[in-house]
Structures are given as structure tokens and as C-alpha cells.
Amino acid sequence: MADWIRQKKWIDFGITTYCNAACPGCPRTDEVTLKHKAWLTPTHSSTTNLIEVFEKHNYFPNLDSIRFCGERGEPMMHPDIELLIDKVCNYKYDEEHEGYLCINTNGSLRTPDFYERIAEHTNLIIIFSVDGFEETNSKYRINLEWEPIFNNLSAFCHAGGGSHGGTNACWDFIIWEHNWQDIPRVKEEADKLGISDLEFKIATYGNLFTKPVTDAIILERIEKMIDE
């Protein structure tokens, strides 16, 4: 996430506990069955209640932004996500500035047209959590197809993705043993799309499907690849 975003005061809303992915390291996923855990009842937060809270900004003194991320759902699965985006992005927190909205997504849902429309909001930041390409992304982000992800990411970027010089689109990449060699290609594709905000995170945990990089020499090489 861009430095100017990190410096802001924000609050995260988990607007849904539905998700189309089966990431084995996610708190909602049973690593054996790849279904949501038995204690979780998938549900969408009430659109009416959410809007009511957003418009009463005095609930959150000195708040600069709102974030849709959560840890048990994919925000783009909420049936009213576009309405929620419009409400937050068009709401003025005070006379001097609009609030801004930051959304984390796996990028596989909705359509390029949807991403082109929401790209009109200059105060919208989309963090695309994508861990590779055709052969590598779905090894952890299970059930996701690569083509819709890349089409949506490209559409958002080509439509402008806001006006902060490339920081309205962020590529968030978790590094494991199976995908670290994708780093140069990620940087190349991000440059083509005008994405200046790349976030590389070296995984320190594993699961039945992915393993962390443990070789010290490769880890050193990864660090160099990230910094180049």
C-alpha cells in the first residue's frame, strides 16, 4: 500500500463473509476440505446499515478513510458493492476533503466494465492480491482463474485507476517457494500497467498446498530481485 495511505487514519469494514476462493491460509478456510469452516455462516452486511454508518462520520473522529478488506470474505462478492463504493467515495467528510476508500480484492469477480466505472473515483484505491500468473496464482488462491483477474486489473489501470500517479492500483504479492521466480515478470507487467505500488511479502508459513522459501541463498536472491 502506498506510503501516503499508510499515514492516514482508517477503519476496516468486513462487509461480507462470502468468498469465491479457498486460500488454505485464510481464517475462513478449512485446509483439508477447502470449504469455509463449520463455525462460519456466510452473510453480507446490511447495505442500509453500512450506508447509515458511513454517513455519520462523527462516529469516527479524525478518520481519513474507510477500508473494505476484512479477513473472512471477498468484498466484491457483496451484492451492492458498487453502490457502497459510490456512497463512500462521493461522501464529503468535511468542507475540505472527500473521504477515500481502499478495497482489497483477489480481482477475479465482476467485469472489466465494472472496474472501468469505479476507476472514475479518484479517491478509490484497489489492492489486487495476486500471487503469480497462469500457472502460479491458483496454487494458493485456489478456485480462481487467471484470465478474469488480469482482465479486471488491466481494465482498472487502463481506465485511469484514479489520479494519484499509479498509486490507485496496488499489486499485493505473497512470495512462496512455487512463485518467487515470477517477481521480475510482476514488476514488468506492473510497469506496463502503470502500477507504481508493488507490495512483496515473503511468506513465513506453509500449508498443505504451499511452502515458504527457506533456502538462505534463494531468500537473498529474492531480496535483490525485489530491490532491483
Protein backbone atom coordinates (compact mmCIF):
# COMPACT_ATOMS: atom_id res chain seq x y z
CA MET A 1 0.00 0.00 0.00
CA ALA A 2 1.29 3.47 -0.85
CA ASP A 3 3.05 5.40 1.93
CA TRP A 4 0.53 8.26 1.79
CA ILE A 5 -2.24 5.72 2.52
CA ARG A 6 -0.38 4.19 5.47
CA GLN A 7 -0.11 7.59 7.12
CA LYS A 8 -3.89 8.03 7.22
CA LYS A 9 -6.32 7.02 9.94
CA TRP A 10 -8.70 4.39 8.63
CA ILE A 11 -11.20 1.77 9.76
CA ASP A 12 -11.75 -1.62 8.12
CA PHE A 13 -15.22 -2.98 7.44
CA GLY A 14 -15.68 -6.69 6.76
CA ILE A 15 -18.75 -6.22 4.57
CA THR A 16 -19.18 -9.90 3.70
CA THR A 17 -18.04 -13.34 4.78
CA TYR A 18 -18.65 -14.85 1.35
CA CYS A 19 -15.60 -15.67 -0.78
CA ASN A 20 -15.11 -17.46 -4.08
CA ALA A 21 -11.55 -18.53 -3.26
CA ALA A 22 -10.30 -21.30 -0.99
CA CYS A 23 -6.98 -19.92 0.20
CA PRO A 24 -5.69 -22.54 2.66
CA GLY A 25 -4.05 -19.97 4.92
CA CYS A 26 -7.23 -17.89 5.30
CA PRO A 27 -9.01 -17.90 8.69
CA ARG A 28 -12.28 -18.85 6.95
CA THR A 29 -10.93 -21.91 5.11
CA ASP A 30 -10.72 -25.49 6.34
CA GLU A 31 -7.36 -26.56 4.95
CA VAL A 32 -8.47 -30.17 4.49
CA THR A 33 -11.89 -29.70 2.87
CA LEU A 34 -11.17 -26.29 1.30
CA LYS A 35 -14.68 -25.24 2.35
CA HIS A 36 -15.48 -22.49 4.82
CA LYS A 37 -15.10 -23.60 8.42
CA ALA A 38 -18.16 -25.06 10.13
CA TRP A 39 -18.49 -22.19 12.60
CA LEU A 40 -18.76 -19.61 9.82
CA THR A 41 -22.15 -18.66 8.39
CA PRO A 42 -21.58 -16.72 5.16
CA THR A 43 -23.50 -13.46 5.21
CA HIS A 44 -23.49 -9.98 3.71
CA SER A 45 -23.62 -6.92 5.93
CA SER A 46 -26.78 -4.84 5.53
CA THR A 47 -26.31 -2.21 2.84
CA THR A 48 -28.71 0.16 4.60
CA ASN A 49 -26.89 -0.15 7.91
CA LEU A 50 -23.47 0.31 6.30
CA ILE A 51 -24.53 3.48 4.48
CA GLU A 52 -26.05 4.85 7.66
CA VAL A 53 -22.75 4.36 9.47
CA PHE A 54 -20.66 5.84 6.64
CA GLU A 55 -22.78 8.98 6.54
CA LYS A 56 -22.49 9.54 10.29
CA HIS A 57 -18.80 10.28 10.14
CA ASN A 58 -18.85 11.73 13.64
CA TYR A 59 -18.87 8.13 14.88
CA PHE A 60 -15.18 8.05 13.95
CA PRO A 61 -13.45 11.32 14.89
CA ASN A 62 -10.44 12.25 12.75
CA LEU A 63 -10.99 9.33 10.38
CA ASP A 64 -9.48 9.83 6.93
CA SER A 65 -10.63 6.72 5.13
CA ILE A 66 -12.66 3.54 5.05
CA ARG A 67 -11.35 0.15 4.01
CA PHE A 68 -13.17 -2.94 2.73
CA CYS A 69 -10.94 -5.86 3.50
CA GLY A 70 -11.92 -7.92 6.49
CA GLU A 71 -10.35 -11.33 6.95
CA ARG A 72 -13.17 -13.72 6.14
CA GLY A 73 -14.61 -12.56 2.84
CA GLU A 74 -14.10 -11.08 -0.62
CA PRO A 75 -15.57 -7.53 -0.77
CA MET A 76 -16.50 -7.83 -4.45
CA MET A 77 -18.98 -10.60 -3.53
CA HIS A 78 -21.24 -8.12 -1.74
CA PRO A 79 -24.31 -7.69 -3.99
CA ASP A 80 -24.31 -3.90 -3.52
CA ILE A 81 -20.56 -3.32 -3.73
CA GLU A 82 -20.83 -0.70 -6.48
CA LEU A 83 -23.42 1.28 -4.53
CA LEU A 84 -21.23 1.10 -1.41
CA ILE A 85 -18.21 2.29 -3.39
CA ASP A 86 -20.18 5.22 -4.79
CA LYS A 87 -21.55 6.18 -1.37
CA VAL A 88 -18.16 6.21 0.34
CA CYS A 89 -16.26 7.86 -2.49
CA ASN A 90 -18.86 10.59 -3.01
CA TYR A 91 -19.28 11.40 0.66
CA LYS A 92 -17.53 14.53 1.92
CA TYR A 93 -16.07 14.13 5.38
CA ASP A 94 -15.86 17.88 5.78
CA GLU A 95 -15.74 21.00 3.64
CA GLU A 96 -12.11 20.47 2.69
CA HIS A 97 -11.86 16.89 1.50
CA GLU A 98 -13.65 13.76 0.43
CA GLY A 99 -13.07 10.54 2.23
CA TYR A 100 -11.30 7.83 0.32
CA LEU A 101 -11.92 4.13 0.10
CA CYS A 102 -9.41 1.29 -0.06
CA ILE A 103 -10.54 -2.20 -1.16
CA ASN A 104 -8.62 -5.48 -1.03
CA THR A 105 -9.68 -7.99 -3.66
CA ASN A 106 -8.46 -11.14 -5.40
CA GLY A 107 -9.56 -9.46 -8.64
CA SER A 108 -11.45 -12.43 -10.07
CA LEU A 109 -15.01 -11.16 -9.65
CA ARG A 110 -17.07 -8.58 -11.53
CA THR A 111 -16.22 -7.48 -15.06
CA PRO A 112 -13.84 -5.11 -16.86
CA ASP A 113 -16.80 -2.73 -17.36
CA PHE A 114 -17.32 -2.63 -13.59
CA TYR A 115 -13.66 -1.80 -12.98
CA GLU A 116 -13.75 0.88 -15.66
CA ARG A 117 -16.72 2.51 -13.95
CA ILE A 118 -15.26 2.52 -10.45
CA ALA A 119 -11.94 3.81 -11.80
CA GLU A 120 -13.68 7.17 -12.24
CA HIS A 121 -13.40 7.71 -8.49
CA THR A 122 -10.10 9.48 -7.87
CA ASN A 123 -10.31 8.67 -4.17
CA LEU A 124 -10.58 4.89 -4.64
CA ILE A 125 -7.61 2.58 -4.10
CA ILE A 126 -7.84 -1.06 -5.18
CA ILE A 127 -5.32 -3.53 -3.74
CA PHE A 128 -5.18 -6.55 -6.04
CA SER A 129 -3.96 -9.58 -4.09
CA VAL A 130 -2.43 -11.63 -6.89
CA ASP A 131 0.38 -14.12 -6.27
CA GLY A 132 1.52 -15.00 -9.75
CA PHE A 133 0.24 -15.74 -13.21
CA GLU A 134 -1.44 -18.56 -15.14
CA GLU A 135 0.46 -21.41 -13.50
CA THR A 136 1.16 -19.99 -10.07
CA ASN A 137 -1.58 -17.71 -8.71
CA SER A 138 -4.12 -20.52 -8.18
CA LYS A 139 -1.71 -22.69 -6.19
CA TYR A 140 -2.61 -20.65 -3.12
CA ARG A 141 -5.64 -18.68 -4.33
CA ILE A 142 -7.47 -21.88 -5.11
CA ASN A 143 -10.54 -21.84 -7.41
CA LEU A 144 -9.53 -18.60 -9.17
CA GLU A 145 -8.99 -18.32 -12.92
CA TRP A 146 -6.18 -16.10 -14.14
CA GLU A 147 -7.80 -14.51 -17.22
CA PRO A 148 -10.64 -12.65 -15.40
CA ILE A 149 -8.15 -11.39 -12.82
CA PHE A 150 -5.78 -9.93 -15.38
CA ASN A 151 -8.64 -8.50 -17.46
CA ASN A 152 -10.09 -6.71 -14.43
CA LEU A 153 -6.71 -5.45 -13.24
CA SER A 154 -5.91 -4.18 -16.73
CA ALA A 155 -9.31 -2.52 -17.12
CA PHE A 156 -8.94 -0.61 -13.85
CA CYS A 157 -5.46 0.58 -14.76
CA HIS A 158 -6.23 1.47 -18.37
CA ALA A 159 -9.30 3.44 -17.27
CA GLY A 160 -7.06 5.63 -15.16
CA GLY A 161 -7.40 3.93 -11.81
CA GLY A 162 -7.72 7.35 -10.22
CA SER A 163 -5.27 10.22 -10.35
CA HIS A 164 -2.50 9.53 -7.84
CA GLY A 165 0.17 8.64 -10.36
CA GLY A 166 -0.32 4.91 -10.28
CA THR A 167 -0.99 4.51 -6.57
CA ASN A 168 -4.72 3.91 -7.05
CA ALA A 169 -3.87 0.37 -8.10
CA CYS A 170 -1.66 -1.69 -5.83
CA TRP A 171 -0.33 -5.19 -6.62
CA ASP A 172 -0.01 -7.24 -3.42
CA PHE A 173 2.11 -10.39 -3.93
CA ILE A 174 2.84 -13.12 -1.36
CA ILE A 175 6.07 -14.98 -2.09
CA TRP A 176 6.31 -18.75 -1.66
CA GLU A 177 8.61 -21.46 -2.94
CA HIS A 178 6.44 -22.01 -6.02
CA ASN A 179 6.18 -18.40 -7.25
CA TRP A 180 9.29 -16.39 -6.32
CA GLN A 181 10.60 -16.62 -9.87
CA ASP A 182 7.56 -14.59 -11.01
CA ILE A 183 8.87 -11.44 -9.33
CA PRO A 184 10.60 -9.97 -12.42
CA ARG A 185 7.51 -10.59 -14.54
CA VAL A 186 5.28 -8.98 -11.90
CA LYS A 187 7.46 -5.88 -11.97
CA GLU A 188 7.43 -5.86 -15.78
CA GLU A 189 3.64 -6.22 -16.04
CA ALA A 190 3.08 -3.64 -13.31
CA ASP A 191 5.25 -1.18 -15.21
CA LYS A 192 3.22 -1.77 -18.38
CA LEU A 193 0.01 -1.11 -16.46
CA GLY A 194 1.36 2.00 -14.77
CA ILE A 195 1.28 0.49 -11.28
CA SER A 196 3.91 2.11 -9.11
CA ASP A 197 2.78 0.49 -5.86
CA LEU A 198 4.05 -3.09 -5.51
CA GLU A 199 3.93 -4.90 -2.19
CA PHE A 200 6.02 -8.08 -1.93
CA LYS A 201 5.56 -10.18 1.22
CA ILE A 202 7.77 -13.19 1.88
CA ALA A 203 5.64 -15.94 3.42
CA THR A 204 6.91 -17.31 6.71
CA TYR A 205 4.31 -20.06 6.97
CA GLY A 206 3.23 -23.04 4.92
CA ASN A 207 0.22 -25.29 4.43
CA LEU A 208 -0.77 -28.42 2.51
CA PHE A 209 -0.52 -26.53 -0.78
CA THR A 210 2.30 -24.01 -0.42
CA LYS A 211 5.72 -23.92 1.21
CA PRO A 212 7.72 -20.90 2.34
CA VAL A 213 11.17 -20.27 0.93
CA THR A 214 13.71 -21.49 3.49
CA ASP A 215 16.94 -21.56 1.50
CA ALA A 216 19.07 -18.62 2.66
CA ILE A 217 20.71 -18.17 -0.75
CA ILE A 218 17.35 -18.00 -2.53
CA LEU A 219 15.99 -15.62 0.10
CA GLU A 220 18.93 -13.31 -0.52
CA ARG A 221 18.29 -13.53 -4.24
CA ILE A 222 14.61 -12.70 -3.70
CA GLU A 223 15.51 -9.61 -1.69
CA LYS A 224 17.74 -8.44 -4.53
CA MET A 225 15.02 -9.09 -7.11
CA ILE A 226 12.57 -7.02 -5.10
CA ASP A 227 15.02 -4.11 -4.72
CA GLU A 228 16.22 -4.04 -8.33
